[in-house]
Amino acid sequence: MKTVQISLNSIGKVKSFVNAITQFEFDLDLISGRYVIDAKSIMGIFSLDLSKPIDLVIHTETNLDEIMEVLKPYLVE
């Protein structure tokens, strides 16, 4: 399991993020405050405060390099 911070501060970013991560079989969760939602759910993502960075929890130990490459445009530096 790995946690990274991402930024989804536009509708276009949310759409491209969900399209990018749906290829993965394992679970990904977004955590904002006390809310935990499925990262593959567009409706769930829009229920969060997108003005701030969000924690993304990756529930796998394999292929982390590939996942991080896909997430690169969304990561908070």
PDB file of N, CA and C in Angstrom:
ATOM      1  N   MET A   1       0.844  -1.179   0.000  1.00  0.00           N
ATOM      2  CA  MET A   1       0.000   0.000   0.000  1.00  0.00           C
ATOM      3  C   MET A   1       0.889   1.242   0.000  1.00  0.00           C
ATOM      4  N   LYS A   2       0.517   2.221  -0.801  1.00  0.00           N
ATOM      5  CA  LYS A   2       1.286   3.465  -0.900  1.00  0.00           C
ATOM      6  C   LYS A   2       0.296   4.633  -0.939  1.00  0.00           C
ATOM      7  N   THR A   3       0.670   5.747  -0.325  1.00  0.00           N
ATOM      8  CA  THR A   3      -0.176   6.948  -0.336  1.00  0.00           C
ATOM      9  C   THR A   3       0.594   8.094  -0.973  1.00  0.00           C
ATOM     10  N   VAL A   4      -0.058   8.788  -1.906  1.00  0.00           N
ATOM     11  CA  VAL A   4       0.529   9.964  -2.553  1.00  0.00           C
ATOM     12  C   VAL A   4      -0.512  11.073  -2.559  1.00  0.00           C
ATOM     13  N   GLN A   5      -0.059  12.305  -2.721  1.00  0.00           N
ATOM     14  CA  GLN A   5      -0.983  13.436  -2.818  1.00  0.00           C
ATOM     15  C   GLN A   5      -1.147  13.808  -4.281  1.00  0.00           C
ATOM     16  N   ILE A   6      -2.415  14.017  -4.672  1.00  0.00           N
ATOM     17  CA  ILE A   6      -2.704  14.409  -6.046  1.00  0.00           C
ATOM     18  C   ILE A   6      -3.561  15.669  -6.042  1.00  0.00           C
ATOM     19  N   SER A   7      -3.590  16.332  -7.191  1.00  0.00           N
ATOM     20  CA  SER A   7      -4.417  17.519  -7.374  1.00  0.00           C
ATOM     21  C   SER A   7      -5.340  17.275  -8.569  1.00  0.00           C
ATOM     22  N   LEU A   8      -6.641  17.430  -8.345  1.00  0.00           N
ATOM     23  CA  LEU A   8      -7.647  17.274  -9.401  1.00  0.00           C
ATOM     24  C   LEU A   8      -8.488  18.550  -9.418  1.00  0.00           C
ATOM     25  N   ASN A   9      -7.843  19.650  -9.820  1.00  0.00           N
ATOM     26  CA  ASN A   9      -8.486  20.960  -9.679  1.00  0.00           C
ATOM     27  C   ASN A   9      -9.247  21.430 -10.916  1.00  0.00           C
ATOM     28  N   SER A  10      -9.570  20.511 -11.841  1.00  0.00           N
ATOM     29  CA  SER A  10     -10.416  20.889 -12.983  1.00  0.00           C
ATOM     30  C   SER A  10     -11.215  19.673 -13.436  1.00  0.00           C
ATOM     31  N   ILE A  11     -12.314  19.925 -14.121  1.00  0.00           N
ATOM     32  CA  ILE A  11     -13.164  18.833 -14.613  1.00  0.00           C
ATOM     33  C   ILE A  11     -12.377  17.948 -15.569  1.00  0.00           C
ATOM     34  N   GLY A  12     -11.591  18.557 -16.442  1.00  0.00           N
ATOM     35  CA  GLY A  12     -10.780  17.794 -17.389  1.00  0.00           C
ATOM     36  C   GLY A  12      -9.796  16.868 -16.705  1.00  0.00           C
ATOM     37  N   LYS A  13      -9.184  17.365 -15.620  1.00  0.00           N
ATOM     38  CA  LYS A  13      -8.237  16.542 -14.871  1.00  0.00           C
ATOM     39  C   LYS A  13      -8.932  15.347 -14.218  1.00  0.00           C
ATOM     40  N   VAL A  14     -10.125  15.567 -13.690  1.00  0.00           N
ATOM     41  CA  VAL A  14     -10.869  14.471 -13.058  1.00  0.00           C
ATOM     42  C   VAL A  14     -11.187  13.397 -14.094  1.00  0.00           C
ATOM     43  N   LYS A  15     -11.676  13.810 -15.257  1.00  0.00           N
ATOM     44  CA  LYS A  15     -12.020  12.844 -16.311  1.00  0.00           C
ATOM     45  C   LYS A  15     -10.801  12.057 -16.765  1.00  0.00           C
ATOM     46  N   SER A  16      -9.696  12.740 -17.033  1.00  0.00           N
ATOM     47  CA  SER A  16      -8.503  12.041 -17.516  1.00  0.00           C
ATOM     48  C   SER A  16      -7.912  11.145 -16.424  1.00  0.00           C
ATOM     49  N   PHE A  17      -7.998  11.569 -15.155  1.00  0.00           N
ATOM     50  CA  PHE A  17      -7.515  10.760 -14.031  1.00  0.00           C
ATOM     51  C   PHE A  17      -8.294   9.449 -13.947  1.00  0.00           C
ATOM     52  N   VAL A  18      -9.620   9.530 -13.967  1.00  0.00           N
ATOM     53  CA  VAL A  18     -10.448   8.322 -13.863  1.00  0.00           C
ATOM     54  C   VAL A  18     -10.192   7.405 -15.061  1.00  0.00           C
ATOM     55  N   ASN A  19     -10.102   7.977 -16.258  1.00  0.00           N
ATOM     56  CA  ASN A  19      -9.810   7.160 -17.446  1.00  0.00           C
ATOM     57  C   ASN A  19      -8.454   6.472 -17.326  1.00  0.00           C
ATOM     58  N   ALA A  20      -7.475   7.150 -16.752  1.00  0.00           N
ATOM     59  CA  ALA A  20      -6.124   6.588 -16.626  1.00  0.00           C
ATOM     60  C   ALA A  20      -6.066   5.450 -15.616  1.00  0.00           C
ATOM     61  N   ILE A  21      -6.801   5.567 -14.508  1.00  0.00           N
ATOM     62  CA  ILE A  21      -6.665   4.553 -13.442  1.00  0.00           C
ATOM     63  C   ILE A  21      -7.622   3.379 -13.583  1.00  0.00           C
ATOM     64  N   THR A  22      -8.626   3.477 -14.440  1.00  0.00           N
ATOM     65  CA  THR A  22      -9.559   2.351 -14.574  1.00  0.00           C
ATOM     66  C   THR A  22      -8.894   1.121 -15.179  1.00  0.00           C
ATOM     67  N   GLN A  23      -7.724   1.283 -15.777  1.00  0.00           N
ATOM     68  CA  GLN A  23      -7.002   0.132 -16.336  1.00  0.00           C
ATOM     69  C   GLN A  23      -6.448  -0.791 -15.256  1.00  0.00           C
ATOM     70  N   PHE A  24      -6.345  -0.305 -14.029  1.00  0.00           N
ATOM     71  CA  PHE A  24      -5.772  -1.095 -12.946  1.00  0.00           C
ATOM     72  C   PHE A  24      -6.861  -1.900 -12.232  1.00  0.00           C
ATOM     73  N   GLU A  25      -6.535  -3.163 -11.923  1.00  0.00           N
ATOM     74  CA  GLU A  25      -7.502  -4.078 -11.300  1.00  0.00           C
ATOM     75  C   GLU A  25      -7.684  -3.831  -9.799  1.00  0.00           C
ATOM     76  N   PHE A  26      -6.648  -3.338  -9.130  1.00  0.00           N
ATOM     77  CA  PHE A  26      -6.689  -3.187  -7.680  1.00  0.00           C
ATOM     78  C   PHE A  26      -7.444  -1.912  -7.283  1.00  0.00           C
ATOM     79  N   ASP A  27      -7.689  -1.789  -5.978  1.00  0.00           N
ATOM     80  CA  ASP A  27      -8.446  -0.651  -5.459  1.00  0.00           C
ATOM     81  C   ASP A  27      -7.557   0.568  -5.285  1.00  0.00           C
ATOM     82  N   LEU A  28      -8.153   1.721  -5.554  1.00  0.00           N
ATOM     83  CA  LEU A  28      -7.533   3.012  -5.271  1.00  0.00           C
ATOM     84  C   LEU A  28      -8.585   3.853  -4.547  1.00  0.00           C
ATOM     85  N   ASP A  29      -8.199   4.453  -3.426  1.00  0.00           N
ATOM     86  CA  ASP A  29      -9.116   5.272  -2.646  1.00  0.00           C
ATOM     87  C   ASP A  29      -8.607   6.699  -2.569  1.00  0.00           C
ATOM     88  N   LEU A  30      -9.537   7.637  -2.581  1.00  0.00           N
ATOM     89  CA  LEU A  30      -9.211   9.044  -2.349  1.00  0.00           C
ATOM     90  C   LEU A  30      -9.690   9.407  -0.948  1.00  0.00           C
ATOM     91  N   ILE A  31      -8.827  10.100  -0.205  1.00  0.00           N
ATOM     92  CA  ILE A  31      -9.154  10.497   1.159  1.00  0.00           C
ATOM     93  C   ILE A  31      -9.047  12.016   1.267  1.00  0.00           C
ATOM     94  N   SER A  32     -10.155  12.613   1.656  1.00  0.00           N
ATOM     95  CA  SER A  32     -10.202  14.061   1.872  1.00  0.00           C
ATOM     96  C   SER A  32     -10.907  14.294   3.197  1.00  0.00           C
ATOM     97  N   GLY A  33     -10.129  14.708   4.200  1.00  0.00           N
ATOM     98  CA  GLY A  33     -10.712  14.872   5.534  1.00  0.00           C
ATOM     99  C   GLY A  33     -11.185  13.527   6.058  1.00  0.00           C
ATOM    100  N   ARG A  34     -12.469  13.431   6.403  1.00  0.00           N
ATOM    101  CA  ARG A  34     -12.994  12.164   6.926  1.00  0.00           C
ATOM    102  C   ARG A  34     -13.679  11.327   5.858  1.00  0.00           C
ATOM    103  N   TYR A  35     -13.636  11.787   4.606  1.00  0.00           N
ATOM    104  CA  TYR A  35     -14.296  11.079   3.513  1.00  0.00           C
ATOM    105  C   TYR A  35     -13.309  10.178   2.772  1.00  0.00           C
ATOM    106  N   VAL A  36     -13.722   8.949   2.522  1.00  0.00           N
ATOM    107  CA  VAL A  36     -12.948   7.992   1.730  1.00  0.00           C
ATOM    108  C   VAL A  36     -13.851   7.530   0.599  1.00  0.00           C
ATOM    109  N   ILE A  37     -13.403   7.739  -0.639  1.00  0.00           N
ATOM    110  CA  ILE A  37     -14.223   7.331  -1.779  1.00  0.00           C
ATOM    111  C   ILE A  37     -13.386   6.527  -2.773  1.00  0.00           C
ATOM    112  N   ASP A  38     -14.076   5.775  -3.601  1.00  0.00           N
ATOM    113  CA  ASP A  38     -13.435   4.992  -4.660  1.00  0.00           C
ATOM    114  C   ASP A  38     -12.880   5.966  -5.700  1.00  0.00           C
ATOM    115  N   ALA A  39     -11.574   5.872  -5.984  1.00  0.00           N
ATOM    116  CA  ALA A  39     -10.939   6.802  -6.923  1.00  0.00           C
ATOM    117  C   ALA A  39     -11.430   6.614  -8.355  1.00  0.00           C
ATOM    118  N   LYS A  40     -12.093   5.498  -8.639  1.00  0.00           N
ATOM    119  CA  LYS A  40     -12.599   5.238  -9.993  1.00  0.00           C
ATOM    120  C   LYS A  40     -14.008   5.786 -10.192  1.00  0.00           C
ATOM    121  N   SER A  41     -14.557   6.451  -9.181  1.00  0.00           N
ATOM    122  CA  SER A  41     -15.913   6.985  -9.227  1.00  0.00           C
ATOM    123  C   SER A  41     -15.892   8.493  -9.493  1.00  0.00           C
ATOM    124  N   ILE A  42     -16.286   8.872 -10.707  1.00  0.00           N
ATOM    125  CA  ILE A  42     -16.322  10.306 -11.044  1.00  0.00           C
ATOM    126  C   ILE A  42     -17.274  11.052 -10.117  1.00  0.00           C
ATOM    127  N   MET A  43     -18.448  10.480  -9.883  1.00  0.00           N
ATOM    128  CA  MET A  43     -19.429  11.140  -8.998  1.00  0.00           C
ATOM    129  C   MET A  43     -18.854  11.309  -7.587  1.00  0.00           C
ATOM    130  N   GLY A  44     -18.163  10.284  -7.105  1.00  0.00           N
ATOM    131  CA  GLY A  44     -17.551  10.372  -5.778  1.00  0.00           C
ATOM    132  C   GLY A  44     -16.505  11.465  -5.711  1.00  0.00           C
ATOM    133  N   ILE A  45     -15.684  11.571  -6.749  1.00  0.00           N
ATOM    134  CA  ILE A  45     -14.635  12.590  -6.776  1.00  0.00           C
ATOM    135  C   ILE A  45     -15.240  13.993  -6.728  1.00  0.00           C
ATOM    136  N   PHE A  46     -16.328  14.199  -7.471  1.00  0.00           N
ATOM    137  CA  PHE A  46     -16.947  15.529  -7.482  1.00  0.00           C
ATOM    138  C   PHE A  46     -17.622  15.877  -6.159  1.00  0.00           C
ATOM    139  N   SER A  47     -17.770  14.909  -5.251  1.00  0.00           N
ATOM    140  CA  SER A  47     -18.336  15.204  -3.931  1.00  0.00           C
ATOM    141  C   SER A  47     -17.265  15.719  -2.971  1.00  0.00           C
ATOM    142  N   LEU A  48     -15.995  15.691  -3.397  1.00  0.00           N
ATOM    143  CA  LEU A  48     -14.889  16.141  -2.546  1.00  0.00           C
ATOM    144  C   LEU A  48     -14.556  17.607  -2.817  1.00  0.00           C
ATOM    145  N   ASP A  49     -13.817  18.205  -1.889  1.00  0.00           N
ATOM    146  CA  ASP A  49     -13.298  19.563  -2.070  1.00  0.00           C
ATOM    147  C   ASP A  49     -12.057  19.465  -2.956  1.00  0.00           C
ATOM    148  N   LEU A  50     -12.199  19.811  -4.232  1.00  0.00           N
ATOM    149  CA  LEU A  50     -11.113  19.654  -5.196  1.00  0.00           C
ATOM    150  C   LEU A  50     -10.156  20.844  -5.229  1.00  0.00           C
ATOM    151  N   SER A  51     -10.389  21.835  -4.385  1.00  0.00           N
ATOM    152  CA  SER A  51      -9.499  23.001  -4.358  1.00  0.00           C
ATOM    153  C   SER A  51      -8.203  22.703  -3.598  1.00  0.00           C
ATOM    154  N   LYS A  52      -8.182  21.599  -2.845  1.00  0.00           N
ATOM    155  CA  LYS A  52      -7.003  21.223  -2.062  1.00  0.00           C
ATOM    156  C   LYS A  52      -6.470  19.877  -2.549  1.00  0.00           C
ATOM    157  N   PRO A  53      -5.193  19.600  -2.305  1.00  0.00           N
ATOM    158  CA  PRO A  53      -4.662  18.265  -2.652  1.00  0.00           C
ATOM    159  C   PRO A  53      -5.411  17.164  -1.900  1.00  0.00           C
ATOM    160  N   ILE A  54      -5.500  15.994  -2.532  1.00  0.00           N
ATOM    161  CA  ILE A  54      -6.224  14.854  -1.980  1.00  0.00           C
ATOM    162  C   ILE A  54      -5.244  13.691  -1.854  1.00  0.00           C
ATOM    163  N   ASP A  55      -5.386  12.902  -0.792  1.00  0.00           N
ATOM    164  CA  ASP A  55      -4.553  11.707  -0.627  1.00  0.00           C
ATOM    165  C   ASP A  55      -5.119  10.571  -1.465  1.00  0.00           C
ATOM    166  N   LEU A  56      -4.252   9.921  -2.237  1.00  0.00           N
ATOM    167  CA  LEU A  56      -4.621   8.744  -3.021  1.00  0.00           C
ATOM    168  C   LEU A  56      -3.921   7.539  -2.411  1.00  0.00           C
ATOM    169  N   VAL A  57      -4.706   6.556  -1.991  1.00  0.00           N
ATOM    170  CA  VAL A  57      -4.158   5.330  -1.414  1.00  0.00           C
ATOM    171  C   VAL A  57      -4.206   4.246  -2.483  1.00  0.00           C
ATOM    172  N   ILE A  58      -3.034   3.707  -2.794  1.00  0.00           N
ATOM    173  CA  ILE A  58      -2.887   2.661  -3.812  1.00  0.00           C
ATOM    174  C   ILE A  58      -2.779   1.329  -3.077  1.00  0.00           C
ATOM    175  N   HIS A  59      -3.757   0.454  -3.273  1.00  0.00           N
ATOM    176  CA  HIS A  59      -3.820  -0.810  -2.534  1.00  0.00           C
ATOM    177  C   HIS A  59      -3.135  -1.948  -3.299  1.00  0.00           C
ATOM    178  N   THR A  60      -1.843  -1.805  -3.554  1.00  0.00           N
ATOM    179  CA  THR A  60      -1.055  -2.870  -4.168  1.00  0.00           C
ATOM    180  C   THR A  60       0.417  -2.618  -3.880  1.00  0.00           C
ATOM    181  N   GLU A  61       1.210  -3.651  -4.018  1.00  0.00           N
ATOM    182  CA  GLU A  61       2.661  -3.526  -3.880  1.00  0.00           C
ATOM    183  C   GLU A  61       3.360  -3.797  -5.205  1.00  0.00           C
ATOM    184  N   THR A  62       2.616  -4.266  -6.202  1.00  0.00           N
ATOM    185  CA  THR A  62       3.207  -4.613  -7.496  1.00  0.00           C
ATOM    186  C   THR A  62       2.954  -3.501  -8.501  1.00  0.00           C
ATOM    187  N   ASN A  63       3.817  -3.390  -9.488  1.00  0.00           N
ATOM    188  CA  ASN A  63       3.683  -2.416 -10.583  1.00  0.00           C
ATOM    189  C   ASN A  63       3.647  -0.965 -10.110  1.00  0.00           C
ATOM    190  N   LEU A  64       4.263  -0.653  -8.985  1.00  0.00           N
ATOM    191  CA  LEU A  64       4.208   0.727  -8.478  1.00  0.00           C
ATOM    192  C   LEU A  64       4.875   1.714  -9.432  1.00  0.00           C
ATOM    193  N   ASP A  65       5.934   1.293 -10.129  1.00  0.00           N
ATOM    194  CA  ASP A  65       6.591   2.195 -11.083  1.00  0.00           C
ATOM    195  C   ASP A  65       5.639   2.582 -12.210  1.00  0.00           C
ATOM    196  N   GLU A  66       4.911   1.598 -12.730  1.00  0.00           N
ATOM    197  CA  GLU A  66       3.945   1.852 -13.801  1.00  0.00           C
ATOM    198  C   GLU A  66       2.828   2.784 -13.322  1.00  0.00           C
ATOM    199  N   ILE A  67       2.343   2.540 -12.110  1.00  0.00           N
ATOM    200  CA  ILE A  67       1.268   3.367 -11.549  1.00  0.00           C
ATOM    201  C   ILE A  67       1.747   4.803 -11.359  1.00  0.00           C
ATOM    202  N   MET A  68       2.945   4.969 -10.818  1.00  0.00           N
ATOM    203  CA  MET A  68       3.467   6.310 -10.570  1.00  0.00           C
ATOM    204  C   MET A  68       3.664   7.065 -11.878  1.00  0.00           C
ATOM    205  N   GLU A  69       4.028   6.368 -12.945  1.00  0.00           N
ATOM    206  CA  GLU A  69       4.172   6.999 -14.260  1.00  0.00           C
ATOM    207  C   GLU A  69       2.821   7.522 -14.756  1.00  0.00           C
ATOM    208  N   VAL A  70       1.772   6.722 -14.582  1.00  0.00           N
ATOM    209  CA  VAL A  70       0.421   7.122 -14.992  1.00  0.00           C
ATOM    210  C   VAL A  70      -0.066   8.306 -14.151  1.00  0.00           C
ATOM    211  N   LEU A  71       0.306   8.331 -12.876  1.00  0.00           N
ATOM    212  CA  LEU A  71      -0.151   9.388 -11.963  1.00  0.00           C
ATOM    213  C   LEU A  71       0.654  10.676 -12.052  1.00  0.00           C
ATOM    214  N   LYS A  72       1.763  10.661 -12.758  1.00  0.00           N
ATOM    215  CA  LYS A  72       2.684  11.806 -12.795  1.00  0.00           C
ATOM    216  C   LYS A  72       1.998  13.156 -13.060  1.00  0.00           C
ATOM    217  N   PRO A  73       1.060  13.256 -14.018  1.00  0.00           N
ATOM    218  CA  PRO A  73       0.427  14.570 -14.263  1.00  0.00           C
ATOM    219  C   PRO A  73      -0.427  15.092 -13.102  1.00  0.00           C
ATOM    220  N   TYR A  74      -0.775  14.222 -12.160  1.00  0.00           N
ATOM    221  CA  TYR A  74      -1.685  14.605 -11.078  1.00  0.00           C
ATOM    222  C   TYR A  74      -0.995  14.765  -9.732  1.00  0.00           C
ATOM    223  N   LEU A  75       0.260  14.340  -9.632  1.00  0.00           N
ATOM    224  CA  LEU A  75       0.959  14.368  -8.352  1.00  0.00           C
ATOM    225  C   LEU A  75       1.270  15.788  -7.898  1.00  0.00           C
ATOM    226  N   VAL A  76       1.168  15.996  -6.588  1.00  0.00           N
ATOM    227  CA  VAL A  76       1.545  17.275  -5.987  1.00  0.00           C
ATOM    228  C   VAL A  76       3.020  17.189  -5.640  1.00  0.00           C
ATOM    229  N   GLU A  77       3.792  18.141  -6.109  1.00  0.00           N
ATOM    230  CA  GLU A  77       5.256  18.112  -5.859  1.00  0.00           C
ATOM    231  C   GLU A  77       5.568  18.668  -4.493  1.00  0.00           C
TER     232      GLU A  77
END
